[in-house]
C-alpha atoms as a PDB file:
ATOM      1  CA  UNK A   1     -32.652 132.249 -35.693  1.00  0.00           C
ATOM      2  CA  UNK A   2     -32.412 129.183 -37.495  1.00  0.00           C
ATOM      3  CA  UNK A   3     -30.671 127.312 -34.996  1.00  0.00           C
ATOM      4  CA  UNK A   4     -32.853 128.323 -31.940  1.00  0.00           C
ATOM      5  CA  UNK A   5     -36.385 128.716 -33.418  1.00  0.00           C
ATOM      6  CA  UNK A   6     -39.042 130.392 -31.251  1.00  0.00           C
ATOM      7  CA  UNK A   7     -41.894 131.224 -33.344  1.00  0.00           C
ATOM      8  CA  UNK A   8     -44.238 130.106 -36.166  1.00  0.00           C
ATOM      9  CA  UNK A   9     -42.128 132.498 -38.650  1.00  0.00           C
ATOM     10  CA  UNK A  10     -38.861 130.789 -37.481  1.00  0.00           C
ATOM     11  CA  UNK A  11     -40.288 127.334 -37.984  1.00  0.00           C
ATOM     12  CA  UNK A  12     -41.485 128.623 -41.469  1.00  0.00           C
ATOM     13  CA  UNK A  13     -37.922 129.718 -42.555  1.00  0.00           C
ATOM     14  CA  UNK A  14     -36.246 126.062 -41.561  1.00  0.00           C
ATOM     15  CA  UNK A  15     -39.255 124.725 -43.831  1.00  0.00           C
ATOM     16  CA  UNK A  16     -38.169 127.089 -46.629  1.00  0.00           C
ATOM     17  CA  UNK A  17     -34.668 126.259 -46.132  1.00  0.00           C
ATOM     18  CA  UNK A  18     -34.921 122.730 -46.218  1.00  0.00           C
ATOM     19  CA  UNK A  19     -37.284 122.885 -49.346  1.00  0.00           C
ATOM     20  CA  UNK A  20     -34.003 124.498 -51.011  1.00  0.00           C
ATOM     21  CA  UNK A  21     -32.430 121.405 -51.523  1.00  0.00           C
ATOM     22  CA  UNK A  22     -29.080 120.157 -49.982  1.00  0.00           C
ATOM     23  CA  UNK A  23     -27.966 116.973 -48.053  1.00  0.00           C
ATOM     24  CA  UNK A  24     -27.937 115.760 -44.523  1.00  0.00           C
ATOM     25  CA  UNK A  25     -25.436 112.776 -43.727  1.00  0.00           C
ATOM     26  CA  UNK A  26     -27.544 110.213 -42.296  1.00  0.00           C
ATOM     27  CA  UNK A  27     -25.110 107.164 -42.616  1.00  0.00           C
ATOM     28  CA  UNK A  28     -26.584 103.760 -42.917  1.00  0.00           C
ATOM     29  CA  UNK A  29     -30.543 102.809 -42.761  1.00  0.00           C
ATOM     30  CA  UNK A  30     -31.892  99.194 -42.913  1.00  0.00           C
ATOM     31  CA  UNK A  31     -35.351  99.865 -44.155  1.00  0.00           C
ATOM     32  CA  UNK A  32     -37.174  96.566 -43.318  1.00  0.00           C
ATOM     33  CA  UNK A  33     -39.692  95.910 -46.361  1.00  0.00           C
ATOM     34  CA  UNK A  34     -41.654  92.901 -46.785  1.00  0.00           C
ATOM     35  CA  UNK A  35     -44.006  91.716 -49.999  1.00  0.00           C
ATOM     36  CA  UNK A  36     -46.830  89.639 -49.758  1.00  0.00           C
ATOM     37  CA  UNK A  37     -49.696  89.049 -51.980  1.00  0.00           C
ATOM     38  CA  UNK A  38     -48.779  92.260 -53.940  1.00  0.00           C
ATOM     39  CA  UNK A  39     -48.473  94.572 -50.936  1.00  0.00           C
ATOM     40  CA  UNK A  40     -45.155  96.073 -49.989  1.00  0.00           C
ATOM     41  CA  UNK A  41     -44.936  96.684 -46.366  1.00  0.00           C
ATOM     42  CA  UNK A  42     -42.644  99.136 -44.668  1.00  0.00           C
ATOM     43  CA  UNK A  43     -42.105  98.481 -40.894  1.00  0.00           C
ATOM     44  CA  UNK A  44     -41.661 101.483 -38.720  1.00  0.00           C
ATOM     45  CA  UNK A  45     -38.305 102.904 -39.681  1.00  0.00           C
ATOM     46  CA  UNK A  46     -36.517 105.379 -37.685  1.00  0.00           C
ATOM     47  CA  UNK A  47     -33.592 107.698 -39.362  1.00  0.00           C
ATOM     48  CA  UNK A  48     -31.402 109.905 -36.818  1.00  0.00           C
ATOM     49  CA  UNK A  49     -29.453 113.113 -37.802  1.00  0.00           C
ATOM     50  CA  UNK A  50     -27.508 115.272 -35.502  1.00  0.00           C
ATOM     51  CA  UNK A  51     -31.123 117.575 -35.490  1.00  0.00           C
ATOM     52  CA  UNK A  52     -33.905 115.085 -36.137  1.00  0.00           C
ATOM     53  CA  UNK A  53     -35.228 111.921 -35.736  1.00  0.00           C
ATOM     54  CA  UNK A  54     -37.516 110.713 -38.207  1.00  0.00           C
ATOM     55  CA  UNK A  55     -40.078 107.746 -38.058  1.00  0.00           C
ATOM     56  CA  UNK A  56     -41.892 106.379 -40.817  1.00  0.00           C
ATOM     57  CA  UNK A  57     -43.259 103.159 -42.507  1.00  0.00           C
ATOM     58  CA  UNK A  58     -46.629 102.448 -44.381  1.00  0.00           C
ATOM     59  CA  UNK A  59     -47.537  99.953 -47.396  1.00  0.00           C
ATOM     60  CA  UNK A  60     -47.503 100.276 -51.023  1.00  0.00           C
ATOM     61  CA  UNK A  61     -50.473  98.104 -52.709  1.00  0.00           C
ATOM     62  CA  UNK A  62     -48.337  97.290 -56.126  1.00  0.00           C
ATOM     63  CA  UNK A  63     -51.400  95.826 -58.203  1.00  0.00           C
ATOM     64  CA  UNK A  64     -53.241  98.750 -57.738  1.00  0.00           C
ATOM     65  CA  UNK A  65     -50.554 100.915 -57.968  1.00  0.00           C
ATOM     66  CA  UNK A  66     -51.886 102.891 -54.377  1.00  0.00           C
ATOM     67  CA  UNK A  67     -49.589 104.042 -51.466  1.00  0.00           C
ATOM     68  CA  UNK A  68     -50.385 104.531 -47.871  1.00  0.00           C
ATOM     69  CA  UNK A  69     -47.339 106.091 -45.926  1.00  0.00           C
ATOM     70  CA  UNK A  70     -46.654 108.119 -42.892  1.00  0.00           C
ATOM     71  CA  UNK A  71     -44.119 109.550 -40.941  1.00  0.00           C
ATOM     72  CA  UNK A  72     -42.859 111.992 -38.195  1.00  0.00           C
ATOM     73  CA  UNK A  73     -40.129 114.284 -37.969  1.00  0.00           C
ATOM     74  CA  UNK A  74     -38.936 115.377 -34.401  1.00  0.00           C
ATOM     75  CA  UNK A  75     -36.585 118.259 -33.948  1.00  0.00           C
ATOM     76  CA  UNK A  76     -34.645 116.759 -31.138  1.00  0.00           C
ATOM     77  CA  UNK A  77     -32.302 119.643 -31.278  1.00  0.00           C
ATOM     78  CA  UNK A  78     -34.988 122.002 -30.922  1.00  0.00           C
ATOM     79  CA  UNK A  79     -37.407 120.540 -28.154  1.00  0.00           C
ATOM     80  CA  UNK A  80     -39.578 123.911 -28.404  1.00  0.00           C
ATOM     81  CA  UNK A  81     -40.992 122.748 -31.998  1.00  0.00           C
ATOM     82  CA  UNK A  82     -43.823 120.404 -32.520  1.00  0.00           C
ATOM     83  CA  UNK A  83     -42.933 117.071 -34.336  1.00  0.00           C
ATOM     84  CA  UNK A  84     -44.110 117.216 -38.095  1.00  0.00           C
ATOM     85  CA  UNK A  85     -46.511 114.805 -39.265  1.00  0.00           C
ATOM     86  CA  UNK A  86     -46.426 113.540 -43.112  1.00  0.00           C
ATOM     87  CA  UNK A  87     -48.563 111.703 -44.801  1.00  0.00           C
ATOM     88  CA  UNK A  88     -49.139 110.336 -48.790  1.00  0.00           C
ATOM     89  CA  UNK A  89     -52.300 108.014 -49.359  1.00  0.00           C
ATOM     90  CA  UNK A  90     -53.357 107.417 -52.916  1.00  0.00           C
ATOM     91  CA  UNK A  91     -52.200 106.270 -56.467  1.00  0.00           C
ATOM     92  CA  UNK A  92     -48.759 106.515 -57.259  1.00  0.00           C
ATOM     93  CA  UNK A  93     -48.602 108.709 -59.876  1.00  0.00           C
ATOM     94  CA  UNK A  94     -50.615 111.691 -57.892  1.00  0.00           C
ATOM     95  CA  UNK A  95     -50.387 110.667 -54.352  1.00  0.00           C
ATOM     96  CA  UNK A  96     -52.244 113.074 -51.773  1.00  0.00           C
ATOM     97  CA  UNK A  97     -49.811 114.820 -49.609  1.00  0.00           C
ATOM     98  CA  UNK A  98     -50.551 116.094 -46.112  1.00  0.00           C
END
């Protein structure tokens, strides 16, 4: 069922498989980063694989050592799954993940 998830349990199984490790070929990705007054800004960046499209971006305050990043994974091969949002905020050493 991992190739055609139809339920929350199928989706959980996909996430568990992803957490188990492995590799995904993504080719080359250009990540535009600008640094000004100690703030590193990553412009919205898109990474496509055979099964997903991930968009991410945000900022890192280098002097304050904090991060504010967000992203979204769209499962392009499984249209019945909702997008998965990701967010990292807070200090470099212990950012909050949501």
